[in-house]
């Protein structure tokens, strides 16, 4: 979400921090070790038809998820979804989630009161 095209991180971070359900986690030493272990076990990014930078970015996300005891990853990235599923994460493609229906806006124009006419 934070790397989505056009995402305004300065607006997104405070929203996430204000919600108890979200936790922002740093890529620290534990994640780096987990990343290294994942990187050794994975097929080459070239075999997956992926570029090196997105491949490493996906593994970074998965490493952070693993050390943070995350059970479900929400993403719209096909490569991340496939890689996370292969590592036994539950994955939800958030692009496929139902959107909140937009309610029809009611008219704010009120008929003139009879006594004013």
N, C-alpha and C. Protein backbone atom coordinates (compact mmCIF):
# COMPACT_ATOMS: atom_id res chain seq x y z
N UNK A 1 0.83 -1.19 0.00
CA UNK A 1 0.00 0.00 0.00
C UNK A 1 0.87 1.25 0.00
N UNK A 2 1.94 1.22 0.76
CA UNK A 2 2.76 2.42 0.84
C UNK A 2 3.57 2.65 -0.41
N UNK A 3 3.74 1.62 -1.22
CA UNK A 3 4.51 1.80 -2.45
C UNK A 3 3.61 1.91 -3.67
N UNK A 4 2.32 1.93 -3.46
CA UNK A 4 1.39 2.04 -4.59
C UNK A 4 1.60 3.36 -5.32
N UNK A 5 1.43 3.30 -6.62
CA UNK A 5 1.61 4.50 -7.43
C UNK A 5 0.64 5.59 -6.95
N UNK A 6 1.18 6.76 -6.71
CA UNK A 6 0.37 7.89 -6.30
C UNK A 6 0.03 7.92 -4.82
N UNK A 7 0.55 6.95 -4.06
CA UNK A 7 0.24 6.91 -2.63
C UNK A 7 0.91 8.08 -1.92
N UNK A 8 0.16 8.77 -1.09
CA UNK A 8 0.69 9.89 -0.31
C UNK A 8 1.04 9.36 1.08
N UNK A 9 2.30 8.94 1.24
CA UNK A 9 2.73 8.31 2.48
C UNK A 9 2.54 9.22 3.68
N UNK A 10 2.72 10.52 3.47
CA UNK A 10 2.57 11.47 4.58
C UNK A 10 1.15 11.45 5.13
N UNK A 11 0.18 11.08 4.32
CA UNK A 11 -1.21 10.99 4.78
C UNK A 11 -1.55 9.58 5.27
N UNK A 12 -0.93 8.57 4.65
CA UNK A 12 -1.27 7.19 4.98
C UNK A 12 -0.73 6.77 6.34
N UNK A 13 0.51 7.11 6.65
CA UNK A 13 1.14 6.68 7.91
C UNK A 13 0.33 7.10 9.13
N UNK A 14 -0.09 8.37 9.26
CA UNK A 14 -0.88 8.75 10.45
C UNK A 14 -2.20 7.98 10.55
N UNK A 15 -2.80 7.66 9.43
CA UNK A 15 -4.05 6.89 9.44
C UNK A 15 -3.77 5.49 9.98
N UNK A 16 -2.71 4.85 9.49
CA UNK A 16 -2.37 3.51 9.96
C UNK A 16 -2.00 3.52 11.44
N UNK A 17 -1.23 4.52 11.85
CA UNK A 17 -0.80 4.60 13.25
C UNK A 17 -1.98 4.84 14.20
N UNK A 18 -3.05 5.43 13.70
CA UNK A 18 -4.20 5.72 14.56
C UNK A 18 -5.12 4.51 14.73
N UNK A 19 -4.88 3.44 13.98
CA UNK A 19 -5.71 2.25 14.04
C UNK A 19 -4.99 1.14 14.80
N UNK A 20 -5.61 0.64 15.84
CA UNK A 20 -4.97 -0.40 16.67
C UNK A 20 -4.72 -1.69 15.89
N UNK A 21 -5.47 -1.93 14.86
CA UNK A 21 -5.32 -3.17 14.10
C UNK A 21 -4.05 -3.20 13.26
N UNK A 22 -3.48 -2.04 12.96
CA UNK A 22 -2.26 -1.96 12.16
C UNK A 22 -1.06 -1.76 13.05
N UNK A 23 0.05 -2.35 12.64
CA UNK A 23 1.31 -2.17 13.34
C UNK A 23 2.38 -1.92 12.28
N UNK A 24 3.11 -0.86 12.40
CA UNK A 24 4.19 -0.57 11.47
C UNK A 24 5.46 -1.13 12.07
N UNK A 25 6.12 -2.01 11.30
CA UNK A 25 7.28 -2.74 11.79
C UNK A 25 8.49 -2.39 10.94
N UNK A 26 9.62 -2.16 11.60
CA UNK A 26 10.86 -1.86 10.90
C UNK A 26 11.51 -3.11 10.34
N UNK A 27 12.31 -2.92 9.30
CA UNK A 27 13.14 -3.99 8.79
C UNK A 27 14.43 -3.97 9.59
N UNK A 28 14.44 -4.73 10.67
CA UNK A 28 15.59 -4.73 11.57
C UNK A 28 16.44 -5.97 11.40
N UNK A 29 17.25 -6.24 12.41
CA UNK A 29 18.20 -7.35 12.36
C UNK A 29 17.51 -8.69 12.20
N UNK A 30 16.45 -8.93 12.96
CA UNK A 30 15.72 -10.21 12.86
C UNK A 30 15.15 -10.41 11.47
N UNK A 31 14.59 -9.34 10.89
CA UNK A 31 14.04 -9.43 9.53
C UNK A 31 15.15 -9.67 8.52
N UNK A 32 16.31 -9.06 8.74
CA UNK A 32 17.43 -9.25 7.82
C UNK A 32 17.91 -10.70 7.82
N UNK A 33 17.97 -11.31 9.00
CA UNK A 33 18.36 -12.72 9.10
C UNK A 33 17.32 -13.59 8.41
N UNK A 34 16.05 -13.34 8.67
CA UNK A 34 14.98 -14.10 8.03
C UNK A 34 15.02 -13.93 6.52
N UNK A 35 15.25 -12.71 6.06
CA UNK A 35 15.36 -12.43 4.63
C UNK A 35 16.48 -13.27 4.02
N UNK A 36 17.63 -13.31 4.67
CA UNK A 36 18.76 -14.09 4.16
C UNK A 36 18.42 -15.57 4.05
N UNK A 37 17.72 -16.10 5.03
CA UNK A 37 17.33 -17.51 4.99
C UNK A 37 16.33 -17.76 3.86
N UNK A 38 15.37 -16.85 3.71
CA UNK A 38 14.41 -16.98 2.61
C UNK A 38 15.09 -16.87 1.25
N UNK A 39 16.02 -15.93 1.14
CA UNK A 39 16.71 -15.68 -0.12
C UNK A 39 17.47 -16.93 -0.57
N UNK A 40 18.12 -17.62 0.38
CA UNK A 40 18.87 -18.84 0.05
C UNK A 40 17.96 -19.95 -0.45
N UNK A 41 16.75 -20.02 0.11
CA UNK A 41 15.83 -21.12 -0.22
C UNK A 41 15.05 -20.89 -1.52
N UNK A 42 14.93 -19.64 -1.96
CA UNK A 42 14.09 -19.32 -3.11
C UNK A 42 14.78 -19.66 -4.42
N UNK A 43 13.94 -19.96 -5.42
CA UNK A 43 14.46 -20.09 -6.77
C UNK A 43 14.97 -18.73 -7.21
N UNK A 44 15.76 -18.73 -8.22
CA UNK A 44 16.26 -17.47 -8.76
C UNK A 44 15.09 -16.60 -9.22
N UNK A 45 15.19 -15.32 -8.99
CA UNK A 45 14.14 -14.41 -9.44
C UNK A 45 13.98 -14.48 -10.95
N UNK A 46 15.05 -14.80 -11.67
CA UNK A 46 14.98 -14.90 -13.13
C UNK A 46 14.10 -16.07 -13.55
N UNK A 47 14.12 -17.15 -12.77
CA UNK A 47 13.28 -18.32 -13.07
C UNK A 47 11.81 -17.98 -12.91
N UNK A 48 11.51 -17.02 -12.06
CA UNK A 48 10.13 -16.60 -11.85
C UNK A 48 9.72 -15.51 -12.84
N UNK A 49 10.66 -15.06 -13.66
CA UNK A 49 10.36 -13.99 -14.61
C UNK A 49 10.19 -12.65 -13.91
N UNK A 50 10.87 -12.48 -12.79
CA UNK A 50 10.74 -11.27 -12.00
C UNK A 50 12.07 -10.52 -12.00
N UNK A 51 12.01 -9.22 -11.82
CA UNK A 51 13.23 -8.42 -11.69
C UNK A 51 13.77 -8.57 -10.27
N UNK A 52 15.06 -8.28 -10.11
CA UNK A 52 15.73 -8.49 -8.83
C UNK A 52 15.17 -7.61 -7.71
N UNK A 53 14.92 -6.33 -8.00
CA UNK A 53 14.45 -5.41 -6.95
C UNK A 53 13.07 -5.81 -6.42
N UNK A 54 12.06 -6.05 -7.30
CA UNK A 54 10.76 -6.49 -6.75
C UNK A 54 10.84 -7.83 -6.03
N UNK A 55 11.70 -8.72 -6.51
CA UNK A 55 11.90 -10.02 -5.86
C UNK A 55 12.37 -9.83 -4.43
N UNK A 56 13.39 -9.00 -4.25
CA UNK A 56 13.93 -8.74 -2.91
C UNK A 56 12.90 -7.99 -2.04
N UNK A 57 12.16 -7.09 -2.65
CA UNK A 57 11.13 -6.35 -1.91
C UNK A 57 10.07 -7.31 -1.39
N UNK A 58 9.64 -8.26 -2.24
CA UNK A 58 8.66 -9.27 -1.82
C UNK A 58 9.20 -10.10 -0.66
N UNK A 59 10.44 -10.53 -0.78
CA UNK A 59 11.03 -11.33 0.31
C UNK A 59 11.17 -10.52 1.59
N UNK A 60 11.43 -9.23 1.47
CA UNK A 60 11.50 -8.36 2.65
C UNK A 60 10.16 -8.31 3.36
N UNK A 61 9.09 -8.17 2.59
CA UNK A 61 7.74 -8.14 3.17
C UNK A 61 7.45 -9.45 3.88
N UNK A 62 7.78 -10.56 3.23
CA UNK A 62 7.53 -11.87 3.83
C UNK A 62 8.38 -12.08 5.08
N UNK A 63 9.63 -11.64 5.05
CA UNK A 63 10.51 -11.78 6.22
C UNK A 63 9.94 -11.01 7.40
N UNK A 64 9.50 -9.79 7.17
CA UNK A 64 8.90 -8.99 8.25
C UNK A 64 7.64 -9.65 8.76
N UNK A 65 6.83 -10.19 7.84
CA UNK A 65 5.60 -10.88 8.25
C UNK A 65 5.92 -12.09 9.12
N UNK A 66 6.93 -12.86 8.73
CA UNK A 66 7.29 -14.05 9.50
C UNK A 66 7.74 -13.71 10.92
N UNK A 67 8.61 -12.73 11.07
CA UNK A 67 9.11 -12.41 12.41
C UNK A 67 8.06 -11.71 13.26
N UNK A 68 7.02 -11.19 12.60
CA UNK A 68 5.95 -10.48 13.31
C UNK A 68 4.74 -11.36 13.58
N UNK A 69 4.87 -12.66 13.30
CA UNK A 69 3.79 -13.63 13.50
C UNK A 69 2.52 -13.28 12.74
N UNK A 70 2.69 -12.75 11.54
CA UNK A 70 1.55 -12.42 10.68
C UNK A 70 1.05 -13.70 10.04
N UNK A 71 -0.26 -13.86 9.96
CA UNK A 71 -0.80 -15.06 9.33
C UNK A 71 -1.38 -14.77 7.94
N UNK A 72 -1.78 -13.53 7.68
CA UNK A 72 -2.38 -13.18 6.39
C UNK A 72 -1.69 -11.95 5.82
N UNK A 73 -1.38 -12.03 4.53
CA UNK A 73 -0.80 -10.90 3.82
C UNK A 73 -1.83 -10.40 2.81
N UNK A 74 -2.08 -9.10 2.84
CA UNK A 74 -2.98 -8.46 1.89
C UNK A 74 -2.14 -7.77 0.83
N UNK A 75 -2.39 -8.12 -0.43
CA UNK A 75 -1.61 -7.54 -1.51
C UNK A 75 -2.38 -7.64 -2.81
N UNK A 76 -1.98 -6.84 -3.78
CA UNK A 76 -2.52 -6.96 -5.13
C UNK A 76 -1.41 -7.38 -6.08
N UNK A 77 -0.21 -7.61 -5.55
CA UNK A 77 0.94 -7.98 -6.35
C UNK A 77 0.95 -9.49 -6.58
N UNK A 78 0.81 -9.91 -7.84
CA UNK A 78 0.71 -11.33 -8.15
C UNK A 78 1.92 -12.13 -7.70
N UNK A 79 3.12 -11.57 -7.89
CA UNK A 79 4.33 -12.29 -7.50
C UNK A 79 4.42 -12.46 -5.98
N UNK A 80 4.08 -11.41 -5.24
CA UNK A 80 4.09 -11.51 -3.79
C UNK A 80 3.04 -12.52 -3.32
N UNK A 81 1.87 -12.49 -3.94
CA UNK A 81 0.81 -13.43 -3.57
C UNK A 81 1.28 -14.87 -3.76
N UNK A 82 1.85 -15.17 -4.94
CA UNK A 82 2.32 -16.54 -5.22
C UNK A 82 3.43 -16.96 -4.25
N UNK A 83 4.37 -16.07 -4.02
CA UNK A 83 5.50 -16.39 -3.15
C UNK A 83 5.03 -16.60 -1.70
N UNK A 84 4.14 -15.74 -1.22
CA UNK A 84 3.63 -15.87 0.15
C UNK A 84 2.80 -17.14 0.31
N UNK A 85 1.99 -17.46 -0.68
CA UNK A 85 1.21 -18.70 -0.61
C UNK A 85 2.12 -19.92 -0.59
N UNK A 86 3.20 -19.88 -1.37
CA UNK A 86 4.15 -21.00 -1.40
C UNK A 86 4.83 -21.18 -0.04
N UNK A 87 4.87 -20.11 0.75
CA UNK A 87 5.46 -20.18 2.09
C UNK A 87 4.40 -20.31 3.18
N UNK A 88 3.21 -20.75 2.78
CA UNK A 88 2.10 -21.10 3.68
C UNK A 88 1.46 -19.91 4.40
N UNK A 89 1.51 -18.73 3.80
CA UNK A 89 0.76 -17.60 4.33
C UNK A 89 -0.63 -17.61 3.71
N UNK A 90 -1.62 -17.21 4.48
CA UNK A 90 -2.92 -16.93 3.90
C UNK A 90 -2.77 -15.59 3.19
N UNK A 91 -3.29 -15.48 1.99
CA UNK A 91 -3.13 -14.26 1.21
C UNK A 91 -4.48 -13.79 0.72
N UNK A 92 -4.69 -12.50 0.82
CA UNK A 92 -5.93 -11.90 0.33
C UNK A 92 -5.57 -10.84 -0.70
N UNK A 93 -6.07 -11.02 -1.90
CA UNK A 93 -5.87 -10.03 -2.95
C UNK A 93 -6.87 -8.90 -2.69
N UNK A 94 -6.39 -7.78 -2.16
CA UNK A 94 -7.32 -6.73 -1.75
C UNK A 94 -8.02 -6.07 -2.94
N UNK A 95 -7.51 -6.26 -4.15
CA UNK A 95 -8.21 -5.71 -5.32
C UNK A 95 -9.53 -6.43 -5.53
N UNK A 96 -9.61 -7.68 -5.05
CA UNK A 96 -10.83 -8.46 -5.22
C UNK A 96 -11.84 -8.29 -4.10
N UNK A 97 -11.49 -7.52 -3.08
CA UNK A 97 -12.43 -7.33 -1.97
C UNK A 97 -13.60 -6.47 -2.43
N UNK A 98 -14.79 -6.74 -1.92
CA UNK A 98 -15.94 -5.92 -2.31
C UNK A 98 -15.76 -4.48 -1.81
N UNK A 99 -16.14 -3.57 -2.65
CA UNK A 99 -16.05 -2.15 -2.29
C UNK A 99 -17.30 -1.75 -1.53
N UNK A 100 -17.13 -0.80 -0.65
CA UNK A 100 -18.26 -0.27 0.09
C UNK A 100 -19.18 0.45 -0.90
N UNK A 101 -20.47 0.09 -0.92
CA UNK A 101 -21.35 0.75 -1.88
C UNK A 101 -21.49 2.23 -1.56
N UNK A 102 -21.48 3.01 -2.61
CA UNK A 102 -21.65 4.45 -2.40
C UNK A 102 -23.14 4.73 -2.23
N UNK A 103 -23.43 5.46 -1.19
CA UNK A 103 -24.82 5.81 -0.92
C UNK A 103 -25.19 7.03 -1.76
N UNK A 104 -26.41 6.99 -2.25
CA UNK A 104 -26.87 8.14 -3.02
C UNK A 104 -26.98 9.35 -2.08
N UNK A 105 -26.42 10.46 -2.53
CA UNK A 105 -26.48 11.65 -1.68
C UNK A 105 -27.89 12.23 -1.76
N UNK A 106 -28.42 12.53 -0.60
CA UNK A 106 -29.76 13.11 -0.59
C UNK A 106 -29.68 14.60 -0.90
N UNK A 107 -30.76 15.11 -1.36
CA UNK A 107 -30.82 16.52 -1.73
C UNK A 107 -30.76 17.39 -0.47
N UNK A 108 -29.97 18.43 -0.54
CA UNK A 108 -29.88 19.36 0.57
C UNK A 108 -30.73 20.61 0.32
N UNK A 109 -31.44 20.61 -0.77
CA UNK A 109 -32.30 21.75 -1.09
C UNK A 109 -33.65 21.50 -0.42
N UNK A 110 -34.02 22.42 0.47
CA UNK A 110 -35.27 22.28 1.19
C UNK A 110 -36.30 23.21 0.56
N UNK A 111 -37.53 22.74 0.48
CA UNK A 111 -38.58 23.63 -0.05
C UNK A 111 -38.77 24.83 0.89
N UNK A 112 -39.02 25.95 0.30
CA UNK A 112 -39.22 27.16 1.12
C UNK A 112 -40.41 26.95 2.07
N UNK A 113 -40.25 27.45 3.25
CA UNK A 113 -41.31 27.33 4.23
C UNK A 113 -42.48 28.18 3.77
N UNK A 114 -43.71 27.71 3.96
CA UNK A 114 -44.91 28.40 3.47
C UNK A 114 -45.02 29.81 4.02
N UNK A 115 -44.59 30.02 5.26
CA UNK A 115 -44.76 31.35 5.85
C UNK A 115 -43.83 32.36 5.23
N UNK A 116 -42.74 31.92 4.58
CA UNK A 116 -41.80 32.84 3.96
C UNK A 116 -42.30 33.29 2.60
N UNK A 117 -43.07 32.46 1.94
CA UNK A 117 -43.49 32.76 0.57
C UNK A 117 -44.45 33.91 0.50
